[in-house]
């Protein structure tokens, strides 16, 4: 049996064909969400792009989306796409539809990840019996955890990017005050994400009296090239990420380790060693000695979301999310 796997975020939609019993992904396709009115249009474009003899006969879709998936209607975070699960099943002529959160998929992809898929940033002792934290800034901030139950991965779903932001340094308190002028509920995602990096940069330029707005892509490019406000913005974001990672590890007991994913951090890899990540992650008072043993990796697999969608379809702990015709 073949199924379609798809990974939809705020900016991009990725598709591939998965054949049961084969771990490889075929016909991987990247599309921009802004180019389509909705998921159905992008799905049809993907099918049309397949070899002629493979454009039909698909009745199963495993779909990964950014945002909550608990209800019948799914609004994809930071995206204009919106759909109703039952109607999507009918419109696409499917027998089975599985819809899961993007960081549930990212977590599942880490269950059997190898050294080819990730780079170790911080040493530690991996406790295979404990949960693993998967976290990553992209269009938003995704957070999930993975627990091994009888050698099968149980993903813990949540919206950890939307927890309240708790500033811990003077620059962070000033940043929070700045953001409170724009919203009455400041959350971690406002600073640890692509748009969050833009918010930090805007705050720093405001403080410097220059009032300059740049895209996250340009900020990252400038930060990699030279020191300055863009580099300062990146370091501030990475420091906050480190603190948030530490909070989540302590909350859920993720002694197995932390995997950082998302579209931003792999690009920033050259700056991570000199960034505040390690200090902010492991400096937590009486618990510092515990976090000092927790390893941290950076995922470098560009298709982790699709692999997670592939793994999700056969996962016994996600059967409750399956919609059938």
C-alpha atoms as a PDB file:
ATOM      1  CA  UNK A   1       0.000   0.000   0.000  1.00  0.00           C
ATOM      2  CA  UNK A   2       1.191   3.509  -0.840  1.00  0.00           C
ATOM      3  CA  UNK A   3       0.243   6.623   1.058  1.00  0.00           C
ATOM      4  CA  UNK A   4       0.848  10.327   0.661  1.00  0.00           C
ATOM      5  CA  UNK A   5       2.713  12.066   3.460  1.00  0.00           C
ATOM      6  CA  UNK A   6       2.596  15.840   3.790  1.00  0.00           C
ATOM      7  CA  UNK A   7       4.179  18.390   6.102  1.00  0.00           C
ATOM      8  CA  UNK A   8       2.573  21.846   6.163  1.00  0.00           C
ATOM      9  CA  UNK A   9       3.994  24.782   8.097  1.00  0.00           C
ATOM     10  CA  UNK A  10       3.399  28.482   8.039  1.00  0.00           C
ATOM     11  CA  UNK A  11       5.396  29.014   4.851  1.00  0.00           C
ATOM     12  CA  UNK A  12       5.984  25.732   3.020  1.00  0.00           C
ATOM     13  CA  UNK A  13       4.182  22.481   2.210  1.00  0.00           C
ATOM     14  CA  UNK A  14       6.183  19.316   1.581  1.00  0.00           C
ATOM     15  CA  UNK A  15       4.792  16.170  -0.003  1.00  0.00           C
ATOM     16  CA  UNK A  16       6.097  12.682  -0.703  1.00  0.00           C
ATOM     17  CA  UNK A  17       4.952   9.147  -1.497  1.00  0.00           C
ATOM     18  CA  UNK A  18       5.593   6.441   1.093  1.00  0.00           C
ATOM     19  CA  UNK A  19       5.353   2.743   0.280  1.00  0.00           C
ATOM     20  CA  UNK A  20       4.467   0.427   3.168  1.00  0.00           C
ATOM     21  CA  UNK A  21       7.452  -1.627   4.260  1.00  0.00           C
ATOM     22  CA  UNK A  22       9.914   0.804   2.664  1.00  0.00           C
ATOM     23  CA  UNK A  23      11.424   3.530   4.852  1.00  0.00           C
ATOM     24  CA  UNK A  24      12.453   5.685   1.896  1.00  0.00           C
ATOM     25  CA  UNK A  25      10.390   8.629   0.650  1.00  0.00           C
ATOM     26  CA  UNK A  26       9.708   9.084  -3.063  1.00  0.00           C
ATOM     27  CA  UNK A  27       8.946  12.158  -5.168  1.00  0.00           C
ATOM     28  CA  UNK A  28       9.662  14.670  -2.393  1.00  0.00           C
ATOM     29  CA  UNK A  29       8.139  17.994  -3.459  1.00  0.00           C
ATOM     30  CA  UNK A  30       8.311  21.452  -1.848  1.00  0.00           C
ATOM     31  CA  UNK A  31       5.559  24.018  -2.497  1.00  0.00           C
ATOM     32  CA  UNK A  32       4.974  27.522  -1.142  1.00  0.00           C
ATOM     33  CA  UNK A  33       1.707  27.864   0.753  1.00  0.00           C
ATOM     34  CA  UNK A  34       1.257  31.436  -0.454  1.00  0.00           C
ATOM     35  CA  UNK A  35       0.904  30.120  -4.018  1.00  0.00           C
ATOM     36  CA  UNK A  36      -2.291  28.166  -3.223  1.00  0.00           C
ATOM     37  CA  UNK A  37      -5.723  29.000  -1.819  1.00  0.00           C
ATOM     38  CA  UNK A  38      -5.814  25.889   0.338  1.00  0.00           C
ATOM     39  CA  UNK A  39      -4.379  22.454   1.036  1.00  0.00           C
ATOM     40  CA  UNK A  40      -6.567  20.744  -1.576  1.00  0.00           C
ATOM     41  CA  UNK A  41      -5.061  22.862  -4.359  1.00  0.00           C
ATOM     42  CA  UNK A  42      -1.508  22.087  -3.261  1.00  0.00           C
ATOM     43  CA  UNK A  43      -2.351  18.384  -2.954  1.00  0.00           C
ATOM     44  CA  UNK A  44      -3.661  18.313  -6.525  1.00  0.00           C
ATOM     45  CA  UNK A  45      -0.563  20.149  -7.771  1.00  0.00           C
ATOM     46  CA  UNK A  46       1.627  17.505  -6.125  1.00  0.00           C
ATOM     47  CA  UNK A  47      -0.307  14.670  -7.786  1.00  0.00           C
ATOM     48  CA  UNK A  48      -0.081  16.313 -11.206  1.00  0.00           C
ATOM     49  CA  UNK A  49       3.674  16.533 -10.798  1.00  0.00           C
ATOM     50  CA  UNK A  50       4.066  12.781 -10.267  1.00  0.00           C
ATOM     51  CA  UNK A  51       4.921  10.373 -13.101  1.00  0.00           C
ATOM     52  CA  UNK A  52       1.769   9.738 -15.142  1.00  0.00           C
ATOM     53  CA  UNK A  53       1.404   6.139 -13.969  1.00  0.00           C
ATOM     54  CA  UNK A  54       1.579   7.224 -10.300  1.00  0.00           C
ATOM     55  CA  UNK A  55      -0.916  10.084 -10.280  1.00  0.00           C
ATOM     56  CA  UNK A  56      -3.866   8.101  -8.909  1.00  0.00           C
ATOM     57  CA  UNK A  57      -4.739   5.260  -6.584  1.00  0.00           C
ATOM     58  CA  UNK A  58      -3.873   6.972  -3.299  1.00  0.00           C
ATOM     59  CA  UNK A  59      -6.459   6.562  -0.555  1.00  0.00           C
ATOM     60  CA  UNK A  60      -4.430   7.314   2.565  1.00  0.00           C
ATOM     61  CA  UNK A  61      -2.939  10.651   3.658  1.00  0.00           C
ATOM     62  CA  UNK A  62      -0.786  11.262   6.723  1.00  0.00           C
ATOM     63  CA  UNK A  63      -0.769  15.025   7.178  1.00  0.00           C
ATOM     64  CA  UNK A  64       1.434  17.060   9.500  1.00  0.00           C
ATOM     65  CA  UNK A  65       0.373  20.643  10.258  1.00  0.00           C
ATOM     66  CA  UNK A  66       1.665  23.486  12.393  1.00  0.00           C
ATOM     67  CA  UNK A  67      -0.877  24.123  15.140  1.00  0.00           C
ATOM     68  CA  UNK A  68      -3.519  22.325  17.214  1.00  0.00           C
ATOM     69  CA  UNK A  69      -5.205  19.277  15.660  1.00  0.00           C
ATOM     70  CA  UNK A  70      -7.659  18.276  18.392  1.00  0.00           C
ATOM     71  CA  UNK A  71     -10.783  19.530  16.654  1.00  0.00           C
ATOM     72  CA  UNK A  72     -12.581  18.780  13.397  1.00  0.00           C
ATOM     73  CA  UNK A  73     -11.648  22.157  11.936  1.00  0.00           C
ATOM     74  CA  UNK A  74      -7.909  22.760  11.559  1.00  0.00           C
ATOM     75  CA  UNK A  75      -6.442  26.260  11.287  1.00  0.00           C
ATOM     76  CA  UNK A  76      -2.782  26.043  10.335  1.00  0.00           C
ATOM     77  CA  UNK A  77      -0.681  28.438  12.416  1.00  0.00           C
ATOM     78  CA  UNK A  78       0.764  31.461  10.603  1.00  0.00           C
ATOM     79  CA  UNK A  79      -0.945  30.295   7.411  1.00  0.00           C
ATOM     80  CA  UNK A  80      -4.163  31.207   5.588  1.00  0.00           C
ATOM     81  CA  UNK A  81      -5.040  27.534   5.007  1.00  0.00           C
ATOM     82  CA  UNK A  82      -7.991  26.073   6.905  1.00  0.00           C
ATOM     83  CA  UNK A  83      -9.882  22.807   6.471  1.00  0.00           C
ATOM     84  CA  UNK A  84     -12.405  20.448   8.032  1.00  0.00           C
ATOM     85  CA  UNK A  85     -11.093  16.900   8.389  1.00  0.00           C
ATOM     86  CA  UNK A  86     -14.200  15.034   7.190  1.00  0.00           C
ATOM     87  CA  UNK A  87     -14.660  17.335   4.211  1.00  0.00           C
ATOM     88  CA  UNK A  88     -10.993  17.027   3.271  1.00  0.00           C
ATOM     89  CA  UNK A  89     -11.314  13.245   3.381  1.00  0.00           C
ATOM     90  CA  UNK A  90     -14.276  13.393   0.975  1.00  0.00           C
ATOM     91  CA  UNK A  91     -12.870  16.021  -1.389  1.00  0.00           C
ATOM     92  CA  UNK A  92      -9.611  14.154  -1.869  1.00  0.00           C
ATOM     93  CA  UNK A  93     -11.325  10.776  -2.265  1.00  0.00           C
ATOM     94  CA  UNK A  94      -9.497   9.259   0.700  1.00  0.00           C
ATOM     95  CA  UNK A  95     -10.316   6.216   2.799  1.00  0.00           C
ATOM     96  CA  UNK A  96      -8.117   7.270   5.706  1.00  0.00           C
ATOM     97  CA  UNK A  97      -6.769  10.606   6.908  1.00  0.00           C
ATOM     98  CA  UNK A  98      -4.381  11.152   9.806  1.00  0.00           C
ATOM     99  CA  UNK A  99      -3.712  14.728  10.939  1.00  0.00           C
ATOM    100  CA  UNK A 100      -1.024  15.378  13.559  1.00  0.00           C
ATOM    101  CA  UNK A 101       0.856  18.352  14.966  1.00  0.00           C
ATOM    102  CA  UNK A 102       4.140  19.241  13.286  1.00  0.00           C
ATOM    103  CA  UNK A 103       6.236  18.743  16.377  1.00  0.00           C
ATOM    104  CA  UNK A 104       4.593  15.432  17.105  1.00  0.00           C
ATOM    105  CA  UNK A 105       6.004  14.453  13.721  1.00  0.00           C
ATOM    106  CA  UNK A 106       9.380  15.996  14.511  1.00  0.00           C
ATOM    107  CA  UNK A 107       9.479  13.971  17.730  1.00  0.00           C
ATOM    108  CA  UNK A 108       8.576  10.716  15.964  1.00  0.00           C
ATOM    109  CA  UNK A 109      11.327  11.343  13.423  1.00  0.00           C
ATOM    110  CA  UNK A 110      13.863  11.472  16.252  1.00  0.00           C
ATOM    111  CA  UNK A 111      12.980   8.029  17.597  1.00  0.00           C
ATOM    112  CA  UNK A 112      15.380   6.295  15.241  1.00  0.00           C
ATOM    113  CA  UNK A 113      17.484   9.266  14.154  1.00  0.00           C
ATOM    114  CA  UNK A 114      21.182   8.599  13.558  1.00  0.00           C
ATOM    115  CA  UNK A 115      24.348  10.670  13.658  1.00  0.00           C
ATOM    116  CA  UNK A 116      23.748  11.372   9.973  1.00  0.00           C
ATOM    117  CA  UNK A 117      20.530  13.195  10.904  1.00  0.00           C
ATOM    118  CA  UNK A 118      21.807  15.381  13.741  1.00  0.00           C
ATOM    119  CA  UNK A 119      24.861  17.043  15.295  1.00  0.00           C
ATOM    120  CA  UNK A 120      25.650  16.911  19.013  1.00  0.00           C
ATOM    121  CA  UNK A 121      25.895  20.394  20.532  1.00  0.00           C
ATOM    122  CA  UNK A 122      26.232  19.550  24.233  1.00  0.00           C
ATOM    123  CA  UNK A 123      27.603  16.346  25.716  1.00  0.00           C
ATOM    124  CA  UNK A 124      25.664  14.343  28.254  1.00  0.00           C
ATOM    125  CA  UNK A 125      24.399  10.932  29.272  1.00  0.00           C
ATOM    126  CA  UNK A 126      21.350   9.792  27.305  1.00  0.00           C
ATOM    127  CA  UNK A 127      18.757   8.072  29.528  1.00  0.00           C
ATOM    128  CA  UNK A 128      16.899   5.843  27.061  1.00  0.00           C
ATOM    129  CA  UNK A 129      14.050   5.273  29.548  1.00  0.00           C
ATOM    130  CA  UNK A 130      13.245   8.970  29.940  1.00  0.00           C
ATOM    131  CA  UNK A 131      11.366  11.344  27.613  1.00  0.00           C
ATOM    132  CA  UNK A 132      13.135  13.301  24.882  1.00  0.00           C
ATOM    133  CA  UNK A 133      12.375  16.979  24.254  1.00  0.00           C
ATOM    134  CA  UNK A 134      12.021  18.159  20.659  1.00  0.00           C
ATOM    135  CA  UNK A 135      11.906  21.921  20.202  1.00  0.00           C
ATOM    136  CA  UNK A 136      12.533  24.300  17.346  1.00  0.00           C
ATOM    137  CA  UNK A 137      11.955  27.831  16.107  1.00  0.00           C
ATOM    138  CA  UNK A 138      10.550  28.251  12.625  1.00  0.00           C
ATOM    139  CA  UNK A 139       7.515  30.265  11.610  1.00  0.00           C
ATOM    140  CA  UNK A 140       6.498  29.634  15.236  1.00  0.00           C
ATOM    141  CA  UNK A 141       8.053  27.705  18.133  1.00  0.00           C
ATOM    142  CA  UNK A 142       7.229  24.012  18.166  1.00  0.00           C
ATOM    143  CA  UNK A 143       7.556  21.870  21.276  1.00  0.00           C
ATOM    144  CA  UNK A 144       6.921  18.161  21.755  1.00  0.00           C
ATOM    145  CA  UNK A 145       8.256  15.223  23.730  1.00  0.00           C
ATOM    146  CA  UNK A 146       8.778  11.550  22.982  1.00  0.00           C
ATOM    147  CA  UNK A 147       8.461   8.666  25.428  1.00  0.00           C
ATOM    148  CA  UNK A 148       9.448   5.091  24.609  1.00  0.00           C
ATOM    149  CA  UNK A 149       6.720   2.707  25.791  1.00  0.00           C
ATOM    150  CA  UNK A 150       7.474  -0.970  25.210  1.00  0.00           C
ATOM    151  CA  UNK A 151       9.938   0.120  22.511  1.00  0.00           C
ATOM    152  CA  UNK A 152       7.243   2.101  20.677  1.00  0.00           C
ATOM    153  CA  UNK A 153       7.398   5.915  20.549  1.00  0.00           C
ATOM    154  CA  UNK A 154       4.603   7.755  22.365  1.00  0.00           C
ATOM    155  CA  UNK A 155       4.531  11.426  21.304  1.00  0.00           C
ATOM    156  CA  UNK A 156       3.406  14.053  23.812  1.00  0.00           C
ATOM    157  CA  UNK A 157       1.578  16.812  21.973  1.00  0.00           C
ATOM    158  CA  UNK A 158       1.362  20.416  23.110  1.00  0.00           C
ATOM    159  CA  UNK A 159       1.655  24.101  22.288  1.00  0.00           C
ATOM    160  CA  UNK A 160       4.740  24.947  24.330  1.00  0.00           C
ATOM    161  CA  UNK A 161       5.584  27.909  22.131  1.00  0.00           C
ATOM    162  CA  UNK A 162       2.588  29.732  23.570  1.00  0.00           C
ATOM    163  CA  UNK A 163       3.535  29.574  27.242  1.00  0.00           C
ATOM    164  CA  UNK A 164       4.053  32.924  28.955  1.00  0.00           C
ATOM    165  CA  UNK A 165       7.466  34.490  28.501  1.00  0.00           C
ATOM    166  CA  UNK A 166       9.385  34.915  31.761  1.00  0.00           C
ATOM    167  CA  UNK A 167      12.312  37.336  31.364  1.00  0.00           C
ATOM    168  CA  UNK A 168      15.389  36.519  33.422  1.00  0.00           C
ATOM    169  CA  UNK A 169      17.906  39.213  32.447  1.00  0.00           C
ATOM    170  CA  UNK A 170      17.715  42.984  32.126  1.00  0.00           C
ATOM    171  CA  UNK A 171      17.765  42.892  28.285  1.00  0.00           C
ATOM    172  CA  UNK A 172      14.945  40.334  28.385  1.00  0.00           C
ATOM    173  CA  UNK A 173      12.913  42.470  30.805  1.00  0.00           C
ATOM    174  CA  UNK A 174      13.332  45.467  28.512  1.00  0.00           C
ATOM    175  CA  UNK A 175      12.393  43.285  25.540  1.00  0.00           C
ATOM    176  CA  UNK A 176       9.271  42.077  27.347  1.00  0.00           C
ATOM    177  CA  UNK A 177       8.281  45.658  28.216  1.00  0.00           C
ATOM    178  CA  UNK A 178       8.681  46.598  24.550  1.00  0.00           C
ATOM    179  CA  UNK A 179       6.500  43.687  23.418  1.00  0.00           C
ATOM    180  CA  UNK A 180       3.826  44.449  26.027  1.00  0.00           C
ATOM    181  CA  UNK A 181       3.226  47.729  24.209  1.00  0.00           C
ATOM    182  CA  UNK A 182       2.030  45.645  21.245  1.00  0.00           C
ATOM    183  CA  UNK A 183       0.178  42.760  22.927  1.00  0.00           C
ATOM    184  CA  UNK A 184      -1.301  42.067  26.347  1.00  0.00           C
ATOM    185  CA  UNK A 185      -0.095  38.446  26.390  1.00  0.00           C
ATOM    186  CA  UNK A 186       3.618  37.968  25.714  1.00  0.00           C
ATOM    187  CA  UNK A 187       4.592  34.374  24.942  1.00  0.00           C
ATOM    188  CA  UNK A 188       7.876  32.611  24.214  1.00  0.00           C
ATOM    189  CA  UNK A 189       7.042  32.346  20.504  1.00  0.00           C
ATOM    190  CA  UNK A 190       7.111  36.137  20.259  1.00  0.00           C
ATOM    191  CA  UNK A 191      10.911  35.887  20.564  1.00  0.00           C
ATOM    192  CA  UNK A 192      11.945  32.328  19.693  1.00  0.00           C
ATOM    193  CA  UNK A 193      10.836  31.975  16.063  1.00  0.00           C
ATOM    194  CA  UNK A 194      11.416  33.674  12.733  1.00  0.00           C
ATOM    195  CA  UNK A 195       8.937  36.475  13.507  1.00  0.00           C
ATOM    196  CA  UNK A 196      10.333  36.477  17.048  1.00  0.00           C
ATOM    197  CA  UNK A 197      13.837  37.167  15.770  1.00  0.00           C
ATOM    198  CA  UNK A 198      12.387  40.079  13.806  1.00  0.00           C
ATOM    199  CA  UNK A 199      10.738  41.365  17.008  1.00  0.00           C
ATOM    200  CA  UNK A 200      14.049  41.196  18.878  1.00  0.00           C
ATOM    201  CA  UNK A 201      15.903  42.988  16.090  1.00  0.00           C
ATOM    202  CA  UNK A 202      13.226  45.682  15.951  1.00  0.00           C
ATOM    203  CA  UNK A 203      13.531  46.144  19.728  1.00  0.00           C
ATOM    204  CA  UNK A 204      17.319  46.478  19.562  1.00  0.00           C
ATOM    205  CA  UNK A 205      17.196  48.996  16.716  1.00  0.00           C
ATOM    206  CA  UNK A 206      14.486  50.921  18.585  1.00  0.00           C
ATOM    207  CA  UNK A 207      16.742  51.046  21.650  1.00  0.00           C
ATOM    208  CA  UNK A 208      19.589  52.267  19.426  1.00  0.00           C
ATOM    209  CA  UNK A 209      17.367  54.950  17.893  1.00  0.00           C
ATOM    210  CA  UNK A 210      17.481  53.580  14.336  1.00  0.00           C
ATOM    211  CA  UNK A 211      13.979  52.013  13.982  1.00  0.00           C
ATOM    212  CA  UNK A 212      14.970  49.440  11.321  1.00  0.00           C
ATOM    213  CA  UNK A 213      12.882  46.388  10.356  1.00  0.00           C
ATOM    214  CA  UNK A 214      14.526  43.414   8.639  1.00  0.00           C
ATOM    215  CA  UNK A 215      13.286  39.952   7.725  1.00  0.00           C
ATOM    216  CA  UNK A 216      14.514  36.970   9.727  1.00  0.00           C
ATOM    217  CA  UNK A 217      16.371  35.712   6.657  1.00  0.00           C
ATOM    218  CA  UNK A 218      18.345  38.942   6.326  1.00  0.00           C
ATOM    219  CA  UNK A 219      19.004  39.093  10.079  1.00  0.00           C
ATOM    220  CA  UNK A 220      20.450  35.573  10.005  1.00  0.00           C
ATOM    221  CA  UNK A 221      22.571  36.357   6.936  1.00  0.00           C
ATOM    222  CA  UNK A 222      23.956  39.524   8.535  1.00  0.00           C
ATOM    223  CA  UNK A 223      24.582  37.777  11.853  1.00  0.00           C
ATOM    224  CA  UNK A 224      26.630  35.083  10.146  1.00  0.00           C
ATOM    225  CA  UNK A 225      28.666  37.703   8.287  1.00  0.00           C
ATOM    226  CA  UNK A 226      29.617  40.126  11.064  1.00  0.00           C
ATOM    227  CA  UNK A 227      29.047  41.323  14.613  1.00  0.00           C
ATOM    228  CA  UNK A 228      26.467  44.011  15.236  1.00  0.00           C
ATOM    229  CA  UNK A 229      22.789  44.326  16.064  1.00  0.00           C
ATOM    230  CA  UNK A 230      21.841  41.299  13.945  1.00  0.00           C
ATOM    231  CA  UNK A 231      24.358  39.123  15.819  1.00  0.00           C
ATOM    232  CA  UNK A 232      23.080  40.549  19.123  1.00  0.00           C
ATOM    233  CA  UNK A 233      19.502  39.686  18.123  1.00  0.00           C
ATOM    234  CA  UNK A 234      20.476  36.106  17.295  1.00  0.00           C
ATOM    235  CA  UNK A 235      22.338  35.678  20.591  1.00  0.00           C
ATOM    236  CA  UNK A 236      19.385  37.046  22.540  1.00  0.00           C
ATOM    237  CA  UNK A 237      17.027  34.630  20.787  1.00  0.00           C
ATOM    238  CA  UNK A 238      19.329  31.638  21.320  1.00  0.00           C
ATOM    239  CA  UNK A 239      19.733  32.543  24.990  1.00  0.00           C
ATOM    240  CA  UNK A 240      15.979  32.599  25.484  1.00  0.00           C
ATOM    241  CA  UNK A 241      15.716  29.274  23.636  1.00  0.00           C
ATOM    242  CA  UNK A 242      18.271  27.758  26.023  1.00  0.00           C
ATOM    243  CA  UNK A 243      16.303  28.912  29.062  1.00  0.00           C
ATOM    244  CA  UNK A 244      13.027  27.599  27.639  1.00  0.00           C
ATOM    245  CA  UNK A 245      14.674  24.250  26.862  1.00  0.00           C
ATOM    246  CA  UNK A 246      15.825  23.973  30.465  1.00  0.00           C
ATOM    247  CA  UNK A 247      12.337  24.742  31.780  1.00  0.00           C
ATOM    248  CA  UNK A 248      10.736  22.086  29.577  1.00  0.00           C
ATOM    249  CA  UNK A 249      13.354  19.448  30.430  1.00  0.00           C
ATOM    250  CA  UNK A 250      12.781  19.992  34.147  1.00  0.00           C
ATOM    251  CA  UNK A 251       8.990  20.025  33.740  1.00  0.00           C
ATOM    252  CA  UNK A 252       8.810  16.718  31.852  1.00  0.00           C
ATOM    253  CA  UNK A 253      11.989  15.004  33.030  1.00  0.00           C
ATOM    254  CA  UNK A 254      13.480  14.811  29.538  1.00  0.00           C
ATOM    255  CA  UNK A 255      16.730  13.191  30.656  1.00  0.00           C
ATOM    256  CA  UNK A 256      17.051  11.370  27.336  1.00  0.00           C
ATOM    257  CA  UNK A 257      18.079  14.667  25.780  1.00  0.00           C
ATOM    258  CA  UNK A 258      16.967  17.599  23.664  1.00  0.00           C
ATOM    259  CA  UNK A 259      16.787  17.796  19.883  1.00  0.00           C
ATOM    260  CA  UNK A 260      16.609  21.278  18.360  1.00  0.00           C
ATOM    261  CA  UNK A 261      14.873  21.342  14.993  1.00  0.00           C
ATOM    262  CA  UNK A 262      13.132  23.936  12.853  1.00  0.00           C
ATOM    263  CA  UNK A 263      14.167  26.012   9.897  1.00  0.00           C
ATOM    264  CA  UNK A 264      16.295  28.619  11.663  1.00  0.00           C
ATOM    265  CA  UNK A 265      18.758  26.884  13.977  1.00  0.00           C
ATOM    266  CA  UNK A 266      20.568  24.725  11.382  1.00  0.00           C
ATOM    267  CA  UNK A 267      21.535  27.929   9.565  1.00  0.00           C
ATOM    268  CA  UNK A 268      22.800  29.413  12.828  1.00  0.00           C
ATOM    269  CA  UNK A 269      24.970  26.412  13.661  1.00  0.00           C
ATOM    270  CA  UNK A 270      28.283  28.349  13.285  1.00  0.00           C
ATOM    271  CA  UNK A 271      27.131  30.806  15.982  1.00  0.00           C
ATOM    272  CA  UNK A 272      25.753  28.341  18.528  1.00  0.00           C
ATOM    273  CA  UNK A 273      29.073  27.470  20.206  1.00  0.00           C
ATOM    274  CA  UNK A 274      29.781  31.118  21.078  1.00  0.00           C
ATOM    275  CA  UNK A 275      26.134  31.834  21.944  1.00  0.00           C
ATOM    276  CA  UNK A 276      24.569  31.808  25.451  1.00  0.00           C
ATOM    277  CA  UNK A 277      22.759  28.503  24.717  1.00  0.00           C
ATOM    278  CA  UNK A 278      24.818  26.282  27.035  1.00  0.00           C
ATOM    279  CA  UNK A 279      24.944  28.747  29.907  1.00  0.00           C
ATOM    280  CA  UNK A 280      21.219  29.542  29.797  1.00  0.00           C
ATOM    281  CA  UNK A 281      20.236  25.882  29.412  1.00  0.00           C
ATOM    282  CA  UNK A 282      22.364  24.519  32.228  1.00  0.00           C
ATOM    283  CA  UNK A 283      22.482  27.400  34.726  1.00  0.00           C
ATOM    284  CA  UNK A 284      19.312  26.698  36.705  1.00  0.00           C
ATOM    285  CA  UNK A 285      20.394  26.953  40.316  1.00  0.00           C
ATOM    286  CA  UNK A 286      20.093  23.763  42.327  1.00  0.00           C
ATOM    287  CA  UNK A 287      19.183  21.775  39.205  1.00  0.00           C
ATOM    288  CA  UNK A 288      22.261  22.811  37.222  1.00  0.00           C
ATOM    289  CA  UNK A 289      24.051  19.542  37.972  1.00  0.00           C
ATOM    290  CA  UNK A 290      21.106  17.590  36.524  1.00  0.00           C
ATOM    291  CA  UNK A 291      20.885  19.592  33.305  1.00  0.00           C
ATOM    292  CA  UNK A 292      24.658  19.306  33.032  1.00  0.00           C
ATOM    293  CA  UNK A 293      24.131  15.638  32.155  1.00  0.00           C
ATOM    294  CA  UNK A 294      21.424  16.203  29.517  1.00  0.00           C
ATOM    295  CA  UNK A 295      22.728  15.967  25.919  1.00  0.00           C
ATOM    296  CA  UNK A 296      21.574  18.375  23.225  1.00  0.00           C
ATOM    297  CA  UNK A 297      21.536  17.748  19.472  1.00  0.00           C
ATOM    298  CA  UNK A 298      20.777  19.871  16.422  1.00  0.00           C
ATOM    299  CA  UNK A 299      18.673  18.115  13.785  1.00  0.00           C
ATOM    300  CA  UNK A 300      20.025  18.568  10.278  1.00  0.00           C
ATOM    301  CA  UNK A 301      17.445  16.382   8.524  1.00  0.00           C
ATOM    302  CA  UNK A 302      15.417  18.557   6.113  1.00  0.00           C
ATOM    303  CA  UNK A 303      12.754  15.862   5.781  1.00  0.00           C
ATOM    304  CA  UNK A 304      12.162  15.087   9.465  1.00  0.00           C
ATOM    305  CA  UNK A 305       8.534  16.242   9.224  1.00  0.00           C
ATOM    306  CA  UNK A 306       7.791  13.885   6.331  1.00  0.00           C
ATOM    307  CA  UNK A 307       9.524  11.012   8.118  1.00  0.00           C
ATOM    308  CA  UNK A 308       7.425  11.772  11.179  1.00  0.00           C
ATOM    309  CA  UNK A 309       4.260  11.672   9.070  1.00  0.00           C
ATOM    310  CA  UNK A 310       5.407   8.326   7.720  1.00  0.00           C
ATOM    311  CA  UNK A 311       6.032   6.941  11.222  1.00  0.00           C
ATOM    312  CA  UNK A 312       2.780   8.366  12.580  1.00  0.00           C
ATOM    313  CA  UNK A 313       0.506   6.340  10.330  1.00  0.00           C
ATOM    314  CA  UNK A 314       1.515   3.068  11.951  1.00  0.00           C
ATOM    315  CA  UNK A 315       1.830   4.439  15.484  1.00  0.00           C
ATOM    316  CA  UNK A 316      -0.619   2.746  17.912  1.00  0.00           C
ATOM    317  CA  UNK A 317      -0.820   5.852  20.103  1.00  0.00           C
ATOM    318  CA  UNK A 318      -2.186   8.010  17.284  1.00  0.00           C
ATOM    319  CA  UNK A 319      -5.038   5.764  16.165  1.00  0.00           C
ATOM    320  CA  UNK A 320      -7.518   8.112  17.877  1.00  0.00           C
ATOM    321  CA  UNK A 321      -6.583  10.808  15.357  1.00  0.00           C
ATOM    322  CA  UNK A 322      -7.426   8.668  12.333  1.00  0.00           C
ATOM    323  CA  UNK A 323     -10.426   9.810  10.252  1.00  0.00           C
ATOM    324  CA  UNK A 324     -12.020   7.165   8.032  1.00  0.00           C
ATOM    325  CA  UNK A 325     -14.565   7.298   5.247  1.00  0.00           C
END
